Amino acid sequence: MNAFAVSRWSREQKLGAAALLLGALAVFGNPYRTTGVVQIDARELAAIVQTEVDHVAPGELADWIVQGRTDYRLIDLRDEAAYAAYHLPTAERAPIAGLPDYPLARNEKIVLYSDGGIHAAQGWFLLRAVGFKGVYILRGGLEAWKDEVLFPTAASDRAKAVSAFFGGAPRAAGGAEATAAPEMPAMVMPAPQAAPAVAAPNQKKKKEGC
């Protein structure tokens, strides 16, 4: 992450980042200590943040859900009311304060999300600090999910199908309809007729006949 990117952060993002650093120091003390349960490799974490290899794009996560993949855990860090109003399919709710004690295995792939990105980043740091290696953040959080999956603009046919699969609908590009906040889908949705096609590796066509 470069200085220019940081300069474009909102006040809330800067405050959240500051809270993240102060919280880490308060909880874990000296980040370079080598005794006790917690060990933090600051250089390793900085490299991960800079390359964003710890991020999962909303469209990628949508594909995983459509495919019915079970090789990851999706964790919603928001409060109970927000979770009840709307959450991503297959998501479990875990309050950030209790995240280190939540029943997660260190060999699991864990994807965290919140409304934006600050709480997910804090959760990521907490889990990384206690030894979890396979921790990821939904890029842009629930806001990006709404913009890119549920209510995309200038959507392709496949994006329209994915949107419908999750109970959303594309928005018109430009104008009031594009800027207005759409209503979130109801949590109880009728089962779609068919899942949208997801790109798969090329396979050789099986020969027919004898």
Protein backbone atom coordinates (compact mmCIF):
# COMPACT_ATOMS: atom_id res chain seq x y z
CA MET A 1 0.00 0.00 0.00
CA ASN A 2 1.62 3.29 -1.05
CA ALA A 3 1.36 6.77 0.44
CA PHE A 4 -0.91 7.97 -2.38
CA ALA A 5 -3.45 5.22 -1.65
CA VAL A 6 -3.42 6.07 2.05
CA SER A 7 -3.90 9.77 1.26
CA ARG A 8 -7.19 8.91 -0.49
CA TRP A 9 -8.63 7.12 2.53
CA SER A 10 -11.68 8.63 4.19
CA ARG A 11 -11.52 9.94 7.75
CA GLU A 12 -13.35 6.81 8.95
CA GLN A 13 -10.83 4.54 7.20
CA LYS A 14 -7.88 6.39 8.76
CA LEU A 15 -9.48 6.23 12.19
CA GLY A 16 -10.16 2.53 11.69
CA ALA A 17 -6.55 1.87 10.69
CA ALA A 18 -5.33 3.79 13.72
CA ALA A 19 -7.69 1.79 15.95
CA LEU A 20 -6.35 -1.41 14.41
CA LEU A 21 -2.75 -0.52 15.26
CA LEU A 22 -3.56 0.76 18.75
CA GLY A 23 -5.74 -2.27 19.44
CA ALA A 24 -2.96 -4.60 18.36
CA LEU A 25 -0.51 -2.94 20.71
CA ALA A 26 -3.03 -2.99 23.57
CA VAL A 27 -3.88 -6.67 23.12
CA PHE A 28 -0.55 -8.12 22.12
CA GLY A 29 1.99 -5.69 23.54
CA ASN A 30 5.35 -5.69 21.78
CA PRO A 31 4.75 -7.10 18.27
CA TYR A 32 8.35 -8.33 18.09
CA ARG A 33 8.32 -10.44 21.23
CA THR A 34 9.22 -14.09 20.81
CA THR A 35 7.84 -15.52 24.05
CA GLY A 36 4.27 -16.50 24.88
CA VAL A 37 1.46 -17.64 22.60
CA VAL A 38 1.38 -14.66 20.25
CA GLN A 39 4.14 -14.13 17.72
CA ILE A 40 3.82 -11.54 14.96
CA ASP A 41 6.09 -11.29 11.95
CA ALA A 42 5.57 -7.64 11.03
CA ARG A 43 7.46 -7.93 7.74
CA GLU A 44 5.40 -10.92 6.62
CA LEU A 45 2.13 -9.16 7.44
CA ALA A 46 3.26 -6.00 5.64
CA ALA A 47 4.09 -8.01 2.50
CA ILE A 48 0.67 -9.68 2.57
CA VAL A 49 -1.11 -6.34 2.93
CA GLN A 50 0.91 -4.77 0.12
CA THR A 51 0.27 -7.57 -2.40
CA GLU A 52 -3.39 -8.07 -1.34
CA VAL A 53 -3.02 -11.85 -1.60
CA ASP A 54 -5.25 -11.98 1.48
CA HIS A 55 -8.25 -10.58 -0.46
CA VAL A 56 -11.12 -12.45 -2.13
CA ALA A 57 -13.04 -10.53 -4.79
CA PRO A 58 -16.85 -10.43 -4.47
CA GLY A 59 -17.28 -12.11 -7.86
CA GLU A 60 -14.89 -14.89 -6.87
CA LEU A 61 -16.77 -15.52 -3.64
CA ALA A 62 -20.05 -15.54 -5.57
CA ASP A 63 -18.64 -18.29 -7.81
CA TRP A 64 -17.64 -20.34 -4.77
CA ILE A 65 -21.16 -20.09 -3.35
CA VAL A 66 -22.77 -20.95 -6.70
CA GLN A 67 -20.49 -23.99 -7.00
CA GLY A 68 -21.46 -25.13 -3.50
CA ARG A 69 -17.84 -25.23 -2.37
CA THR A 70 -17.28 -26.31 1.23
CA ASP A 71 -13.52 -25.81 1.49
CA TYR A 72 -13.78 -22.47 3.31
CA ARG A 73 -15.61 -20.78 6.21
CA LEU A 74 -17.38 -17.48 5.61
CA ILE A 75 -17.53 -15.33 8.74
CA ASP A 76 -19.78 -12.29 9.19
CA LEU A 77 -18.33 -9.93 11.81
CA ARG A 78 -21.35 -7.61 12.09
CA ASP A 79 -23.80 -7.44 14.96
CA GLU A 80 -26.76 -9.79 15.38
CA ALA A 81 -29.36 -7.34 14.02
CA ALA A 82 -27.38 -6.61 10.86
CA TYR A 83 -26.74 -10.33 10.32
CA ALA A 84 -30.44 -11.12 10.75
CA ALA A 85 -31.45 -8.41 8.28
CA TYR A 86 -29.13 -9.72 5.56
CA HIS A 87 -26.05 -11.89 5.33
CA LEU A 88 -24.22 -13.73 2.59
CA PRO A 89 -25.35 -17.31 1.92
CA THR A 90 -23.44 -19.87 4.06
CA ALA A 91 -22.07 -17.11 6.35
CA GLU A 92 -21.68 -17.71 10.09
CA ARG A 93 -21.83 -14.80 12.53
CA ALA A 94 -18.93 -14.32 14.90
CA PRO A 95 -18.53 -11.08 16.89
CA ILE A 96 -15.07 -9.63 16.44
CA ALA A 97 -14.45 -9.52 20.22
CA GLY A 98 -14.89 -13.29 20.43
CA LEU A 99 -13.20 -14.15 17.16
CA PRO A 100 -9.98 -15.61 18.65
CA ASP A 101 -12.10 -18.09 20.64
CA TYR A 102 -14.55 -18.92 17.85
CA PRO A 103 -14.33 -22.63 16.83
CA LEU A 104 -12.11 -22.29 13.77
CA ALA A 105 -9.33 -24.66 12.75
CA ARG A 106 -5.91 -23.29 11.85
CA ASN A 107 -5.81 -25.37 8.67
CA GLU A 108 -9.09 -23.92 7.33
CA LYS A 109 -9.54 -21.23 4.70
CA ILE A 110 -11.40 -18.43 6.47
CA VAL A 111 -13.03 -15.47 4.68
CA LEU A 112 -14.02 -12.50 6.85
CA TYR A 113 -16.40 -9.71 5.92
CA SER A 114 -18.13 -6.71 7.45
CA ASP A 115 -19.99 -3.73 6.01
CA GLY A 116 -16.82 -2.15 4.64
CA GLY A 117 -13.28 -3.31 5.31
CA ILE A 118 -12.11 -1.97 8.68
CA HIS A 119 -13.63 -4.63 10.96
CA ALA A 120 -12.61 -7.40 8.57
CA ALA A 121 -9.04 -6.05 8.60
CA GLN A 122 -9.06 -6.02 12.38
CA GLY A 123 -10.39 -9.59 12.44
CA TRP A 124 -7.74 -10.63 9.93
CA PHE A 125 -5.00 -9.20 12.14
CA LEU A 126 -6.38 -10.87 15.26
CA LEU A 127 -6.46 -14.32 13.64
CA ARG A 128 -3.07 -13.92 11.98
CA ALA A 129 -1.60 -12.86 15.31
CA VAL A 130 -2.69 -16.10 17.00
CA GLY A 131 -1.37 -18.36 14.26
CA PHE A 132 -4.08 -18.63 11.59
CA LYS A 133 -2.46 -18.65 8.14
CA GLY A 134 -5.42 -19.14 5.78
CA VAL A 135 -7.30 -15.93 6.60
CA TYR A 136 -8.78 -13.76 3.84
CA ILE A 137 -10.89 -10.61 3.60
CA LEU A 138 -13.81 -10.03 1.24
CA ARG A 139 -12.52 -7.08 -0.76
CA GLY A 140 -14.73 -4.08 -0.11
CA GLY A 141 -16.97 -6.02 2.28
CA LEU A 142 -20.74 -6.12 1.99
CA GLU A 143 -20.80 -2.77 0.18
CA ALA A 144 -18.71 -4.20 -2.67
CA TRP A 145 -20.86 -7.34 -2.70
CA LYS A 146 -23.93 -5.15 -3.26
CA ASP A 147 -22.24 -3.12 -6.01
CA GLU A 148 -20.55 -5.97 -7.87
CA VAL A 149 -22.79 -9.01 -7.29
CA LEU A 150 -26.30 -8.03 -6.20
CA PHE A 151 -26.81 -4.74 -8.04
CA PRO A 152 -24.13 -4.38 -10.75
CA THR A 153 -24.24 -1.67 -13.41
CA ALA A 154 -23.54 -2.31 -17.11
CA ALA A 155 -23.86 -6.02 -16.35
CA SER A 156 -22.99 -8.82 -18.76
CA ASP A 157 -25.44 -11.67 -19.28
CA ARG A 158 -23.54 -13.80 -16.79
CA ALA A 159 -23.44 -10.97 -14.21
CA LYS A 160 -27.21 -10.64 -14.61
CA ALA A 161 -27.62 -14.37 -13.99
CA VAL A 162 -25.40 -14.26 -10.89
CA SER A 163 -27.31 -11.22 -9.61
CA ALA A 164 -30.63 -13.02 -10.06
CA PHE A 165 -29.23 -16.15 -8.37
CA PHE A 166 -28.63 -14.13 -5.20
CA GLY A 167 -31.94 -12.25 -5.39
CA GLY A 168 -30.56 -9.02 -6.82
CA ALA A 169 -31.04 -7.12 -10.07
CA PRO A 170 -28.71 -5.01 -12.24
CA ARG A 171 -28.95 -1.22 -12.04
CA ALA A 172 -29.02 1.18 -14.96
CA ALA A 173 -25.67 2.83 -15.67
CA GLY A 174 -25.97 6.51 -14.70
CA GLY A 175 -28.99 8.43 -13.48
CA ALA A 176 -30.91 8.23 -10.23
CA GLU A 177 -31.49 4.48 -10.45
CA ALA A 178 -27.75 3.84 -10.45
CA THR A 179 -27.06 6.01 -7.37
CA ALA A 180 -30.11 5.08 -5.28
CA ALA A 181 -29.55 2.46 -2.60
CA PRO A 182 -31.47 -0.65 -3.74
CA GLU A 183 -33.46 -2.71 -1.29
CA MET A 184 -31.63 -5.79 -0.05
CA PRO A 185 -33.09 -9.18 -1.02
CA ALA A 186 -35.21 -11.03 1.50
CA MET A 187 -33.31 -13.71 3.38
CA VAL A 188 -35.87 -16.36 2.38
CA MET A 189 -35.68 -16.56 -1.40
CA PRO A 190 -37.22 -19.08 -3.79
CA ALA A 191 -34.68 -21.56 -5.12
CA PRO A 192 -33.38 -20.47 -8.55
CA GLN A 193 -34.18 -22.64 -11.55
CA ALA A 194 -30.51 -23.18 -12.31
CA ALA A 195 -27.19 -21.87 -11.10
CA PRO A 196 -25.40 -19.53 -13.50
CA ALA A 197 -22.61 -21.16 -15.47
CA VAL A 198 -19.18 -20.86 -13.90
CA ALA A 199 -16.05 -21.09 -16.00
CA ALA A 200 -14.36 -24.48 -15.65
CA PRO A 201 -11.10 -25.91 -17.00
CA ASN A 202 -11.30 -27.25 -20.56
CA GLN A 203 -11.95 -30.97 -20.73
CA LYS A 204 -11.50 -33.27 -23.68
CA LYS A 205 -14.75 -34.36 -25.22
CA LYS A 206 -15.52 -37.99 -24.59
CA LYS A 207 -15.65 -40.11 -27.75
CA GLU A 208 -19.05 -41.53 -28.58
CA GLY A 209 -19.79 -44.99 -29.94
CA CYS A 210 -17.86 -48.19 -29.52
